[in-house]
Amino acid sequence: MLTRLRMHRVWPWQHNGRRHWRPRGVYLIVLIMALAGCGRAAAGPTDGTRPTNAATGPVQAGQGSSADQVVPPIILTNPAPSALDVSLVVTFNARSGDTPPMTEVGLGFQSGSHPVQFAGDEHVVCNGVALALKNRAADFQILSEPTAQAASSTVRCTYVAAGASAEIALQIPVPPVITAPRPNAQVTRGARTIVTYTYDPATASIMGVVALAPSSPMPKTVAKLNTPGPLQATLDTSQFTPVTGSIALTASLTPHASQTGASFRSVQTFGNATDVVVVSWT
């Protein structure tokens, strides 16, 4: 049975006054949303409430906004899986220059509202790679590869301690993408510029579509979603000047995960996606 879980205010990469791994897509999404004036933050934890029902089957996380705060880690020695809360975040980053679209996955361990620092004989292995656990907060980047290779694959992580073994299988969802206009297309400006896109509603929610035209009197415009039909967005680009610009789509993610073996206290999954198409406004 799918369970919708609330997430901690602590992000996996914020510990002990330092910033650790943070997906690159977060910065781009914040920038795009600021330009769009949408007033919505990327998907993330909403409060310090820990779920009281840790599922042993498929787990699906909720979504919300995050407070950017630092919580000191708690040092634990060989904690049982049932004492740990696990966070997994998937980020689809847009193409940047010659770099293809990339997918990143982060893994973090918490205990209640505190990040964890392991001090015993714990072992964590993700897709066959053992993670270095000592002398650091337990947050990791466990995947970074081209989206074409990563999409729809499964990331498996196994935690072993205190005579118990717990495994999480995270299914990387299909990324939301703009299907038209195509990259480097010439797009005629007008009051009804149509953008089409695709996404999986089971694992993603579209946050917005924005068009940008630098140096124009009105350099940005926000789309009306589901107009004129599903999987379409309408933009008023009539005030743009002929210039190279872009169209950006942002989405929040609710990836699916499942547990086998011993159960963690909770498993939380969330994420965000960005797709950007460079176009010439004509």
Protein backbone atom coordinates (compact mmCIF):
# COMPACT_ATOMS: atom_id res chain seq x y z
CA MET A 1 0.00 0.00 0.00
CA LEU A 2 1.35 3.38 -0.94
CA THR A 3 1.95 5.72 1.96
CA ARG A 4 2.23 9.50 1.66
CA LEU A 5 4.80 10.65 4.22
CA ARG A 6 5.58 14.10 5.57
CA MET A 7 9.22 15.12 5.43
CA HIS A 8 11.58 16.63 7.96
CA ARG A 9 12.56 20.24 7.78
CA VAL A 10 16.18 19.03 7.67
CA TRP A 11 17.49 18.47 4.15
CA PRO A 12 20.02 15.65 3.72
CA TRP A 13 22.82 18.05 2.73
CA GLN A 14 22.58 20.51 5.67
CA HIS A 15 24.45 19.39 8.74
CA ASN A 16 26.60 20.78 11.50
CA GLY A 17 26.78 24.29 10.09
CA ARG A 18 28.15 23.07 6.76
CA ARG A 19 26.56 22.58 3.37
CA HIS A 20 27.10 19.16 1.89
CA TRP A 21 25.83 17.66 -1.33
CA ARG A 22 23.13 19.74 -2.95
CA PRO A 23 21.62 18.91 -6.36
CA ARG A 24 22.47 21.50 -9.00
CA GLY A 25 18.88 21.61 -10.18
CA VAL A 26 17.76 23.26 -6.94
CA TYR A 27 19.52 26.50 -7.83
CA LEU A 28 18.09 26.57 -11.36
CA ILE A 29 14.56 25.88 -10.15
CA VAL A 30 14.77 28.64 -7.54
CA LEU A 31 15.97 31.07 -10.22
CA ILE A 32 13.24 30.11 -12.68
CA MET A 33 10.51 30.27 -10.06
CA ALA A 34 11.77 33.68 -8.93
CA LEU A 35 11.64 34.93 -12.50
CA ALA A 36 8.19 33.47 -12.92
CA GLY A 37 6.92 34.93 -9.68
CA CYS A 38 5.17 31.66 -8.98
CA GLY A 39 5.79 31.84 -5.28
CA ARG A 40 6.29 28.12 -4.92
CA ALA A 41 9.45 26.49 -3.66
CA ALA A 42 10.95 23.28 -4.96
CA ALA A 43 9.61 20.12 -3.41
CA GLY A 44 11.01 19.37 -0.02
CA PRO A 45 10.36 18.86 3.67
CA THR A 46 7.66 20.92 5.33
CA ASP A 47 8.07 20.42 9.06
CA GLY A 48 9.71 18.42 11.82
CA THR A 49 6.89 15.92 12.18
CA ARG A 50 8.09 12.35 11.87
CA PRO A 51 5.67 9.83 10.36
CA THR A 52 4.46 7.33 12.92
CA ASN A 53 3.77 4.59 10.39
CA ALA A 54 6.90 3.33 8.65
CA ALA A 55 5.82 1.26 5.68
CA THR A 56 7.58 -1.94 4.75
CA GLY A 57 6.19 -1.93 1.21
CA PRO A 58 6.34 0.81 -1.43
CA VAL A 59 6.82 4.25 0.03
CA GLN A 60 5.85 7.54 -1.55
CA ALA A 61 6.67 10.94 -0.10
CA GLY A 62 4.66 14.12 0.01
CA GLN A 63 5.85 17.49 -1.14
CA GLY A 64 6.04 21.02 0.23
CA SER A 65 8.39 23.85 1.05
CA SER A 66 11.56 23.71 3.12
CA ALA A 67 12.99 25.97 5.79
CA ASP A 68 16.70 26.49 5.21
CA GLN A 69 18.08 25.69 8.63
CA VAL A 70 20.97 23.81 10.20
CA VAL A 71 20.49 21.11 12.81
CA PRO A 72 23.51 19.52 14.55
CA PRO A 73 24.08 15.80 13.91
CA ILE A 74 23.55 13.11 16.48
CA ILE A 75 26.35 10.53 16.82
CA LEU A 76 25.06 6.95 16.84
CA THR A 77 26.86 3.62 17.19
CA ASN A 78 25.40 0.70 15.25
CA PRO A 79 21.80 1.93 15.35
CA ALA A 80 19.17 -0.57 14.28
CA PRO A 81 17.29 0.32 11.08
CA SER A 82 14.18 0.95 13.18
CA ALA A 83 15.99 3.90 14.81
CA LEU A 84 16.71 5.64 11.50
CA ASP A 85 14.79 7.87 9.14
CA VAL A 86 15.99 7.78 5.53
CA SER A 87 15.65 10.51 2.90
CA LEU A 88 16.16 10.04 -0.84
CA VAL A 89 16.06 12.95 -3.30
CA VAL A 90 16.02 12.69 -7.08
CA THR A 91 16.99 15.68 -9.21
CA PHE A 92 16.68 15.95 -12.99
CA ASN A 93 18.98 18.75 -14.14
CA ALA A 94 18.51 20.47 -17.50
CA ARG A 95 21.10 20.43 -20.25
CA SER A 96 23.90 22.96 -19.62
CA GLY A 97 26.06 23.86 -22.60
CA ASP A 98 27.61 20.65 -23.90
CA THR A 99 26.63 18.74 -20.76
CA PRO A 100 23.64 16.46 -21.36
CA PRO A 101 20.69 16.39 -18.96
CA MET A 102 21.89 14.79 -15.74
CA THR A 103 20.20 12.84 -12.96
CA GLU A 104 21.42 13.01 -9.37
CA VAL A 105 20.29 11.01 -6.36
CA GLY A 106 21.06 11.91 -2.76
CA LEU A 107 20.75 9.70 0.33
CA GLY A 108 20.59 10.95 3.91
CA PHE A 109 20.13 9.31 7.32
CA GLN A 110 18.39 11.08 10.18
CA SER A 111 17.18 10.19 13.65
CA GLY A 112 14.06 12.17 14.37
CA SER A 113 14.85 15.76 13.46
CA HIS A 114 18.64 15.30 13.65
CA PRO A 115 21.05 14.19 10.92
CA VAL A 116 23.14 11.18 11.85
CA GLN A 117 26.88 10.65 12.12
CA PHE A 118 27.76 6.95 12.35
CA ALA A 119 30.41 5.88 14.85
CA GLY A 120 30.28 2.08 14.83
CA ASP A 121 30.60 -0.78 12.38
CA GLU A 122 27.74 0.26 10.12
CA HIS A 123 27.92 -0.46 6.38
CA VAL A 124 25.98 1.15 3.56
CA VAL A 125 26.28 -0.15 -0.01
CA CYS A 126 24.48 1.48 -2.96
CA ASN A 127 24.48 -0.30 -6.32
CA GLY A 128 27.49 -2.30 -5.24
CA VAL A 129 29.54 0.68 -3.99
CA ALA A 130 30.38 0.95 -0.28
CA LEU A 131 29.92 4.46 1.11
CA ALA A 132 32.52 6.11 3.36
CA LEU A 133 30.66 6.65 6.63
CA LYS A 134 33.27 7.75 9.15
CA ASN A 135 33.95 11.28 10.40
CA ARG A 136 31.14 12.88 8.46
CA ALA A 137 27.44 13.44 8.47
CA ALA A 138 25.58 10.60 6.77
CA ASP A 139 24.46 12.32 3.58
CA PHE A 140 25.71 11.20 0.21
CA GLN A 141 25.41 11.67 -3.52
CA ILE A 142 24.88 8.11 -4.66
CA LEU A 143 24.20 8.69 -8.36
CA SER A 144 25.18 11.24 -11.00
CA GLU A 145 24.80 10.17 -14.60
CA PRO A 146 23.12 11.24 -17.86
CA THR A 147 19.34 11.15 -17.58
CA ALA A 148 19.06 9.06 -20.74
CA GLN A 149 20.94 6.34 -18.87
CA ALA A 150 19.43 6.82 -15.41
CA ALA A 151 15.72 7.26 -16.16
CA SER A 152 13.54 4.29 -15.17
CA SER A 153 16.48 2.51 -13.54
CA THR A 154 16.55 1.34 -9.91
CA VAL A 155 18.97 2.41 -7.19
CA ARG A 156 19.39 -0.12 -4.39
CA CYS A 157 20.97 0.70 -1.04
CA THR A 158 21.57 -1.75 1.81
CA TYR A 159 22.24 -0.74 5.42
CA VAL A 160 23.80 -3.31 7.77
CA ALA A 161 24.28 -2.83 11.52
CA ALA A 162 23.39 -4.44 14.83
CA GLY A 163 22.90 -7.81 13.15
CA ALA A 164 20.18 -6.42 10.90
CA SER A 165 20.05 -5.66 7.18
CA ALA A 166 17.65 -3.25 5.51
CA GLU A 167 17.39 -2.55 1.77
CA ILE A 168 15.73 0.28 -0.10
CA ALA A 169 14.96 0.10 -3.82
CA LEU A 170 14.37 3.54 -5.37
CA GLN A 171 12.74 3.64 -8.78
CA ILE A 172 13.97 6.65 -10.75
CA PRO A 173 10.93 8.10 -12.51
CA VAL A 174 10.57 9.24 -16.10
CA PRO A 175 11.65 12.91 -16.30
CA PRO A 176 9.13 15.59 -17.33
CA VAL A 177 10.28 17.17 -20.61
CA ILE A 178 9.25 19.81 -23.13
CA THR A 179 8.39 18.09 -26.42
CA ALA A 180 7.75 21.23 -28.52
CA PRO A 181 9.27 23.58 -29.47
CA ARG A 182 12.43 21.60 -30.04
CA PRO A 183 15.86 22.92 -28.99
CA ASN A 184 17.17 25.76 -31.19
CA ALA A 185 13.83 26.11 -32.96
CA GLN A 186 12.71 29.45 -34.38
CA VAL A 187 9.48 30.38 -32.64
CA THR A 188 7.16 33.07 -33.92
CA ARG A 189 6.16 35.55 -31.22
CA GLY A 190 2.47 35.96 -30.51
CA ALA A 191 -0.33 36.02 -27.97
CA ARG A 192 -0.78 32.24 -28.13
CA THR A 193 2.56 30.47 -28.23
CA ILE A 194 1.88 26.81 -27.52
CA VAL A 195 4.28 24.58 -25.59
CA THR A 196 3.73 20.84 -25.28
CA TYR A 197 5.28 18.60 -22.67
CA THR A 198 5.08 15.13 -21.20
CA TYR A 199 5.29 13.76 -17.66
CA ASP A 200 4.12 10.87 -15.50
CA PRO A 201 1.39 12.15 -13.14
CA ALA A 202 2.05 9.22 -10.82
CA THR A 203 5.51 10.54 -9.98
CA ALA A 204 5.51 14.24 -10.94
CA SER A 205 3.51 17.45 -10.65
CA ILE A 206 4.12 20.32 -13.07
CA MET A 207 4.96 23.50 -11.17
CA GLY A 208 5.10 25.88 -14.10
CA VAL A 209 6.27 26.79 -17.60
CA VAL A 210 8.11 30.07 -18.20
CA ALA A 211 9.43 31.74 -21.36
CA LEU A 212 12.36 34.15 -21.21
CA ALA A 213 13.58 36.73 -23.70
CA PRO A 214 16.53 38.69 -22.29
CA SER A 215 16.65 42.44 -23.08
CA SER A 216 12.98 42.52 -24.12
CA PRO A 217 10.74 45.20 -22.57
CA MET A 218 8.88 42.30 -20.97
CA PRO A 219 11.63 39.66 -20.55
CA LYS A 220 9.49 36.84 -19.15
CA THR A 221 6.02 35.39 -19.37
CA VAL A 222 4.32 32.65 -17.38
CA ALA A 223 2.24 30.00 -19.13
CA LYS A 224 -1.35 29.02 -18.56
CA LEU A 225 -1.15 25.27 -18.00
CA ASN A 226 -3.51 22.75 -19.61
CA THR A 227 -4.42 25.31 -22.25
CA PRO A 228 -5.69 24.81 -24.91
CA GLY A 229 -5.62 21.15 -23.83
CA PRO A 230 -3.90 18.59 -21.58
CA LEU A 231 -0.10 18.48 -21.75
CA GLN A 232 -0.11 21.93 -23.35
CA ALA A 233 0.69 25.41 -22.07
CA THR A 234 -0.08 28.78 -23.63
CA LEU A 235 2.38 31.70 -23.44
CA ASP A 236 1.90 35.32 -24.47
CA THR A 237 5.21 36.14 -26.16
CA SER A 238 3.88 39.12 -28.12
CA GLN A 239 5.96 41.57 -26.08
CA PHE A 240 9.24 39.75 -26.75
CA THR A 241 11.83 41.19 -29.12
CA PRO A 242 13.64 39.01 -31.69
CA VAL A 243 16.32 37.46 -29.52
CA THR A 244 17.67 34.12 -28.36
CA GLY A 245 15.71 33.02 -25.32
CA SER A 246 14.40 29.92 -23.63
CA ILE A 247 11.41 28.00 -22.34
CA ALA A 248 11.69 26.29 -18.97
CA LEU A 249 9.51 23.66 -17.33
CA THR A 250 9.79 22.83 -13.63
CA ALA A 251 8.19 19.96 -11.74
CA SER A 252 8.18 18.42 -8.28
CA LEU A 253 8.78 14.68 -7.99
CA THR A 254 7.35 11.94 -5.82
CA PRO A 255 9.57 8.93 -6.64
CA HIS A 256 8.55 5.48 -5.49
CA ALA A 257 10.65 3.31 -3.18
CA SER A 258 10.22 -0.01 -1.40
CA GLN A 259 11.85 -1.71 1.57
CA THR A 260 12.92 -5.31 2.13
CA GLY A 261 14.50 -6.94 5.14
CA ALA A 262 14.46 -4.98 8.39
CA SER A 263 12.38 -1.80 8.34
CA PHE A 264 13.64 1.73 8.78
CA ARG A 265 11.56 3.98 11.00
CA SER A 266 10.59 5.95 7.91
CA VAL A 267 11.60 6.34 4.27
CA GLN A 268 11.00 9.67 2.58
CA THR A 269 11.39 10.36 -1.14
CA PHE A 270 11.07 13.61 -3.02
CA GLY A 271 12.73 15.55 -5.82
CA ASN A 272 12.53 18.13 -8.56
CA ALA A 273 12.99 18.35 -12.32
CA THR A 274 13.93 21.07 -14.76
CA ASP A 275 13.86 21.04 -18.55
CA VAL A 276 15.05 24.05 -20.52
CA VAL A 277 14.80 24.52 -24.29
CA VAL A 278 16.78 27.28 -25.97
CA VAL A 279 14.86 28.94 -28.83
CA SER A 280 15.07 31.96 -31.14
CA TRP A 281 12.13 34.31 -30.88
CA THR A 282 11.31 35.64 -34.35
